[in-house]
PDB file of N, CA and C in Angstrom:
ATOM      1  N   MET A   1     -97.336 -27.599  -3.190  1.00  0.00           N
ATOM      2  CA  MET A   1     -95.927 -27.778  -3.484  1.00  0.00           C
ATOM      3  C   MET A   1     -95.797 -28.400  -4.872  1.00  0.00           C
ATOM      4  N   ALA A   2     -94.712 -28.091  -5.512  1.00  0.00           N
ATOM      5  CA  ALA A   2     -94.507 -28.570  -6.873  1.00  0.00           C
ATOM      6  C   ALA A   2     -94.359 -30.090  -6.905  1.00  0.00           C
ATOM      7  N   ARG A   3     -94.756 -30.655  -8.011  1.00  0.00           N
ATOM      8  CA  ARG A   3     -94.611 -32.096  -8.181  1.00  0.00           C
ATOM      9  C   ARG A   3     -93.150 -32.487  -8.337  1.00  0.00           C
ATOM     10  N   ASN A   4     -92.461 -31.762  -9.215  1.00  0.00           N
ATOM     11  CA  ASN A   4     -91.050 -32.048  -9.472  1.00  0.00           C
ATOM     12  C   ASN A   4     -90.202 -31.234  -8.512  1.00  0.00           C
ATOM     13  N   LYS A   5     -89.575 -31.949  -7.574  1.00  0.00           N
ATOM     14  CA  LYS A   5     -88.772 -31.267  -6.564  1.00  0.00           C
ATOM     15  C   LYS A   5     -87.297 -31.516  -6.841  1.00  0.00           C
ATOM     16  N   PRO A   6     -86.445 -30.585  -6.474  1.00  0.00           N
ATOM     17  CA  PRO A   6     -85.014 -30.840  -6.570  1.00  0.00           C
ATOM     18  C   PRO A   6     -84.620 -31.981  -5.632  1.00  0.00           C
ATOM     19  N   LEU A   7     -83.568 -32.683  -5.995  1.00  0.00           N
ATOM     20  CA  LEU A   7     -83.139 -33.839  -5.205  1.00  0.00           C
ATOM     21  C   LEU A   7     -82.778 -33.440  -3.782  1.00  0.00           C
ATOM     22  N   ALA A   8     -82.098 -32.324  -3.606  1.00  0.00           N
ATOM     23  CA  ALA A   8     -81.686 -31.909  -2.261  1.00  0.00           C
ATOM     24  C   ALA A   8     -82.901 -31.662  -1.372  1.00  0.00           C
ATOM     25  N   LYS A   9     -83.925 -31.067  -1.934  1.00  0.00           N
ATOM     26  CA  LYS A   9     -85.144 -30.801  -1.167  1.00  0.00           C
ATOM     27  C   LYS A   9     -85.829 -32.104  -0.789  1.00  0.00           C
ATOM     28  N   LYS A  10     -85.855 -33.059  -1.733  1.00  0.00           N
ATOM     29  CA  LYS A  10     -86.447 -34.364  -1.453  1.00  0.00           C
ATOM     30  C   LYS A  10     -85.728 -35.053  -0.308  1.00  0.00           C
ATOM     31  N   LEU A  11     -84.395 -35.000  -0.334  1.00  0.00           N
ATOM     32  CA  LEU A  11     -83.613 -35.655   0.717  1.00  0.00           C
ATOM     33  C   LEU A  11     -83.874 -35.011   2.069  1.00  0.00           C
ATOM     34  N   ARG A  12     -83.991 -33.685   2.106  1.00  0.00           N
ATOM     35  CA  ARG A  12     -84.288 -33.005   3.371  1.00  0.00           C
ATOM     36  C   ARG A  12     -85.665 -33.400   3.889  1.00  0.00           C
ATOM     37  N   LEU A  13     -86.644 -33.485   2.982  1.00  0.00           N
ATOM     38  CA  LEU A  13     -87.988 -33.882   3.390  1.00  0.00           C
ATOM     39  C   LEU A  13     -88.014 -35.324   3.915  1.00  0.00           C
ATOM     40  N   ILE A  14     -87.252 -36.201   3.269  1.00  0.00           N
ATOM     41  CA  ILE A  14     -87.191 -37.600   3.704  1.00  0.00           C
ATOM     42  C   ILE A  14     -86.594 -37.689   5.101  1.00  0.00           C
ATOM     43  N   ASN A  15     -85.526 -36.914   5.354  1.00  0.00           N
ATOM     44  CA  ASN A  15     -84.900 -36.939   6.678  1.00  0.00           C
ATOM     45  C   ASN A  15     -85.846 -36.419   7.738  1.00  0.00           C
ATOM     46  N   ARG A  16     -86.597 -35.370   7.414  1.00  0.00           N
ATOM     47  CA  ARG A  16     -87.567 -34.839   8.379  1.00  0.00           C
ATOM     48  C   ARG A  16     -88.663 -35.852   8.648  1.00  0.00           C
ATOM     49  N   GLU A  17     -89.061 -36.563   7.611  1.00  0.00           N
ATOM     50  CA  GLU A  17     -90.105 -37.576   7.767  1.00  0.00           C
ATOM     51  C   GLU A  17     -89.635 -38.697   8.683  1.00  0.00           C
ATOM     52  N   LYS A  18     -88.374 -39.124   8.520  1.00  0.00           N
ATOM     53  CA  LYS A  18     -87.836 -40.190   9.358  1.00  0.00           C
ATOM     54  C   LYS A  18     -87.740 -39.751  10.814  1.00  0.00           C
ATOM     55  N   SER A  19     -87.325 -38.511  11.030  1.00  0.00           N
ATOM     56  CA  SER A  19     -87.137 -38.045  12.404  1.00  0.00           C
ATOM     57  C   SER A  19     -88.464 -37.748  13.083  1.00  0.00           C
ATOM     58  N   ASN A  20     -89.555 -37.782  12.355  1.00  0.00           N
ATOM     59  CA  ASN A  20     -90.859 -37.458  12.903  1.00  0.00           C
ATOM     60  C   ASN A  20     -91.627 -38.697  13.365  1.00  0.00           C
ATOM     61  N   GLN A  21     -90.997 -39.854  13.362  1.00  0.00           N
ATOM     62  CA  GLN A  21     -91.689 -41.063  13.783  1.00  0.00           C
ATOM     63  C   GLN A  21     -91.553 -41.255  15.291  1.00  0.00           C
ATOM     64  N   PRO A  22     -92.543 -41.879  15.927  1.00  0.00           N
ATOM     65  CA  PRO A  22     -92.453 -42.095  17.369  1.00  0.00           C
ATOM     66  C   PRO A  22     -91.351 -43.096  17.724  1.00  0.00           C
ATOM     67  N   ILE A  23     -90.937 -43.086  18.989  1.00  0.00           N
ATOM     68  CA  ILE A  23     -89.864 -43.992  19.398  1.00  0.00           C
ATOM     69  C   ILE A  23     -90.398 -45.417  19.424  1.00  0.00           C
ATOM     70  N   PRO A  24     -89.545 -46.400  19.210  1.00  0.00           N
ATOM     71  CA  PRO A  24     -89.991 -47.792  19.244  1.00  0.00           C
ATOM     72  C   PRO A  24     -90.416 -48.204  20.659  1.00  0.00           C
ATOM     73  N   VAL A  25     -91.252 -49.220  20.736  1.00  0.00           N
ATOM     74  CA  VAL A  25     -91.744 -49.683  22.032  1.00  0.00           C
ATOM     75  C   VAL A  25     -90.616 -50.266  22.868  1.00  0.00           C
ATOM     76  N   TRP A  26     -89.645 -50.902  22.206  1.00  0.00           N
ATOM     77  CA  TRP A  26     -88.578 -51.540  22.981  1.00  0.00           C
ATOM     78  C   TRP A  26     -87.733 -50.519  23.722  1.00  0.00           C
ATOM     79  N   VAL A  27     -87.670 -49.292  23.227  1.00  0.00           N
ATOM     80  CA  VAL A  27     -86.925 -48.245  23.935  1.00  0.00           C
ATOM     81  C   VAL A  27     -87.622 -47.905  25.245  1.00  0.00           C
ATOM     82  N   THR A  28     -88.949 -47.814  25.185  1.00  0.00           N
ATOM     83  CA  THR A  28     -89.725 -47.548  26.393  1.00  0.00           C
ATOM     84  C   THR A  28     -89.522 -48.667  27.412  1.00  0.00           C
ATOM     85  N   VAL A  29     -89.528 -49.895  26.940  1.00  0.00           N
ATOM     86  CA  VAL A  29     -89.361 -51.035  27.834  1.00  0.00           C
ATOM     87  C   VAL A  29     -87.951 -51.062  28.415  1.00  0.00           C
ATOM     88  N   LYS A  30     -86.967 -50.809  27.586  1.00  0.00           N
ATOM     89  CA  LYS A  30     -85.571 -50.897  28.033  1.00  0.00           C
ATOM     90  C   LYS A  30     -85.231 -49.810  29.054  1.00  0.00           C
ATOM     91  N   THR A  31     -85.806 -48.629  28.893  1.00  0.00           N
ATOM     92  CA  THR A  31     -85.501 -47.532  29.808  1.00  0.00           C
ATOM     93  C   THR A  31     -86.468 -47.486  30.984  1.00  0.00           C
ATOM     94  N   LEU A  32     -87.262 -48.542  31.150  1.00  0.00           N
ATOM     95  CA  LEU A  32     -88.239 -48.615  32.249  1.00  0.00           C
ATOM     96  C   LEU A  32     -89.152 -47.402  32.267  1.00  0.00           C
ATOM     97  N   ARG A  33     -89.659 -47.047  31.088  1.00  0.00           N
ATOM     98  CA  ARG A  33     -90.633 -45.976  30.865  1.00  0.00           C
ATOM     99  C   ARG A  33     -90.131 -44.587  31.251  1.00  0.00           C
ATOM    100  N   LYS A  34     -88.806 -44.413  31.304  1.00  0.00           N
ATOM    101  CA  LYS A  34     -88.278 -43.061  31.511  1.00  0.00           C
ATOM    102  C   LYS A  34     -88.386 -42.251  30.222  1.00  0.00           C
ATOM    103  N   VAL A  35     -88.233 -42.952  29.094  1.00  0.00           N
ATOM    104  CA  VAL A  35     -88.419 -42.301  27.795  1.00  0.00           C
ATOM    105  C   VAL A  35     -89.747 -42.800  27.251  1.00  0.00           C
ATOM    106  N   MET A  36     -90.746 -41.931  27.265  1.00  0.00           N
ATOM    107  CA  MET A  36     -92.073 -42.359  26.844  1.00  0.00           C
ATOM    108  C   MET A  36     -92.407 -41.902  25.426  1.00  0.00           C
ATOM    109  N   ARG A  37     -91.967 -40.705  25.080  1.00  0.00           N
ATOM    110  CA  ARG A  37     -92.344 -40.196  23.767  1.00  0.00           C
ATOM    111  C   ARG A  37     -91.255 -39.274  23.253  1.00  0.00           C
ATOM    112  N   ARG A  38     -91.306 -38.995  21.976  1.00  0.00           N
ATOM    113  CA  ARG A  38     -90.347 -38.083  21.349  1.00  0.00           C
ATOM    114  C   ARG A  38     -90.925 -36.684  21.417  1.00  0.00           C
ATOM    115  N   PHE A  39     -90.255 -35.794  22.126  1.00  0.00           N
ATOM    116  CA  PHE A  39     -90.851 -34.485  22.388  1.00  0.00           C
ATOM    117  C   PHE A  39     -90.748 -33.546  21.197  1.00  0.00           C
ATOM    118  N   ARG A  40     -90.000 -33.922  20.157  1.00  0.00           N
ATOM    119  CA  ARG A  40     -89.913 -33.055  18.976  1.00  0.00           C
ATOM    120  C   ARG A  40     -90.827 -33.517  17.848  1.00  0.00           C
ATOM    121  N   LEU A  41     -91.825 -34.321  18.148  1.00  0.00           N
ATOM    122  CA  LEU A  41     -92.743 -34.769  17.110  1.00  0.00           C
ATOM    123  C   LEU A  41     -93.485 -33.580  16.512  1.00  0.00           C
ATOM    124  N   ARG A  42     -93.595 -33.592  15.209  1.00  0.00           N
ATOM    125  CA  ARG A  42     -94.186 -32.469  14.507  1.00  0.00           C
ATOM    126  C   ARG A  42     -95.431 -32.934  13.774  1.00  0.00           C
ATOM    127  N   ASN A  43     -96.466 -32.124  13.832  1.00  0.00           N
ATOM    128  CA  ASN A  43     -97.681 -32.407  13.084  1.00  0.00           C
ATOM    129  C   ASN A  43     -97.714 -31.490  11.861  1.00  0.00           C
ATOM    130  N   TRP A  44     -98.155 -32.016  10.756  1.00  0.00           N
ATOM    131  CA  TRP A  44     -98.094 -31.248   9.497  1.00  0.00           C
ATOM    132  C   TRP A  44     -99.002 -30.039   9.534  1.00  0.00           C
ATOM    133  N   ARG A  45    -100.045 -30.073  10.352  1.00  0.00           N
ATOM    134  CA  ARG A  45    -100.932 -28.912  10.433  1.00  0.00           C
ATOM    135  C   ARG A  45    -100.435 -27.872  11.423  1.00  0.00           C
ATOM    136  N   ARG A  46     -99.918 -28.335  12.547  1.00  0.00           N
ATOM    137  CA  ARG A  46     -99.572 -27.411  13.643  1.00  0.00           C
ATOM    138  C   ARG A  46     -98.322 -26.591  13.362  1.00  0.00           C
ATOM    139  N   SER A  47     -97.244 -27.238  12.926  1.00  0.00           N
ATOM    140  CA  SER A  47     -95.994 -26.495  12.739  1.00  0.00           C
ATOM    141  C   SER A  47     -95.367 -26.860  11.404  1.00  0.00           C
ATOM    142  N   LYS A  48     -94.859 -25.856  10.741  1.00  0.00           N
ATOM    143  CA  LYS A  48     -94.283 -26.052   9.418  1.00  0.00           C
ATOM    144  C   LYS A  48     -92.763 -26.161   9.507  1.00  0.00           C
ATOM    145  N   LEU A  49     -92.172 -26.733   8.474  1.00  0.00           N
ATOM    146  CA  LEU A  49     -90.723 -26.837   8.402  1.00  0.00           C
ATOM    147  C   LEU A  49     -90.145 -25.498   7.967  1.00  0.00           C
ATOM    148  N   GLU A  50     -89.035 -25.120   8.558  1.00  0.00           N
ATOM    149  CA  GLU A  50     -88.496 -23.793   8.281  1.00  0.00           C
ATOM    150  C   GLU A  50     -87.610 -23.748   7.036  1.00  0.00           C
ATOM    151  N   ASP A  51     -86.595 -24.593   6.993  1.00  0.00           N
ATOM    152  CA  ASP A  51     -85.570 -24.432   5.944  1.00  0.00           C
ATOM    153  C   ASP A  51     -85.631 -25.531   4.889  1.00  0.00           C
ATOM    154  N   VAL A  52     -86.814 -25.848   4.426  1.00  0.00           N
ATOM    155  CA  VAL A  52     -86.908 -26.908   3.407  1.00  0.00           C
ATOM    156  C   VAL A  52     -86.937 -26.316   2.035  1.00  0.00           C
TER     157      VAL A  52
END
């Protein structure tokens, strides 16, 4: 990928990066382990971003 990216592309990548983090531990504790993990977690090798 190019070094110099357009600002809009950078912002989209940043948002995807934020949404790719696991849920906090306190959420698991608060929901009594009903919510254990984020099912939309993406790995950089397994699946690529579509509209970036």
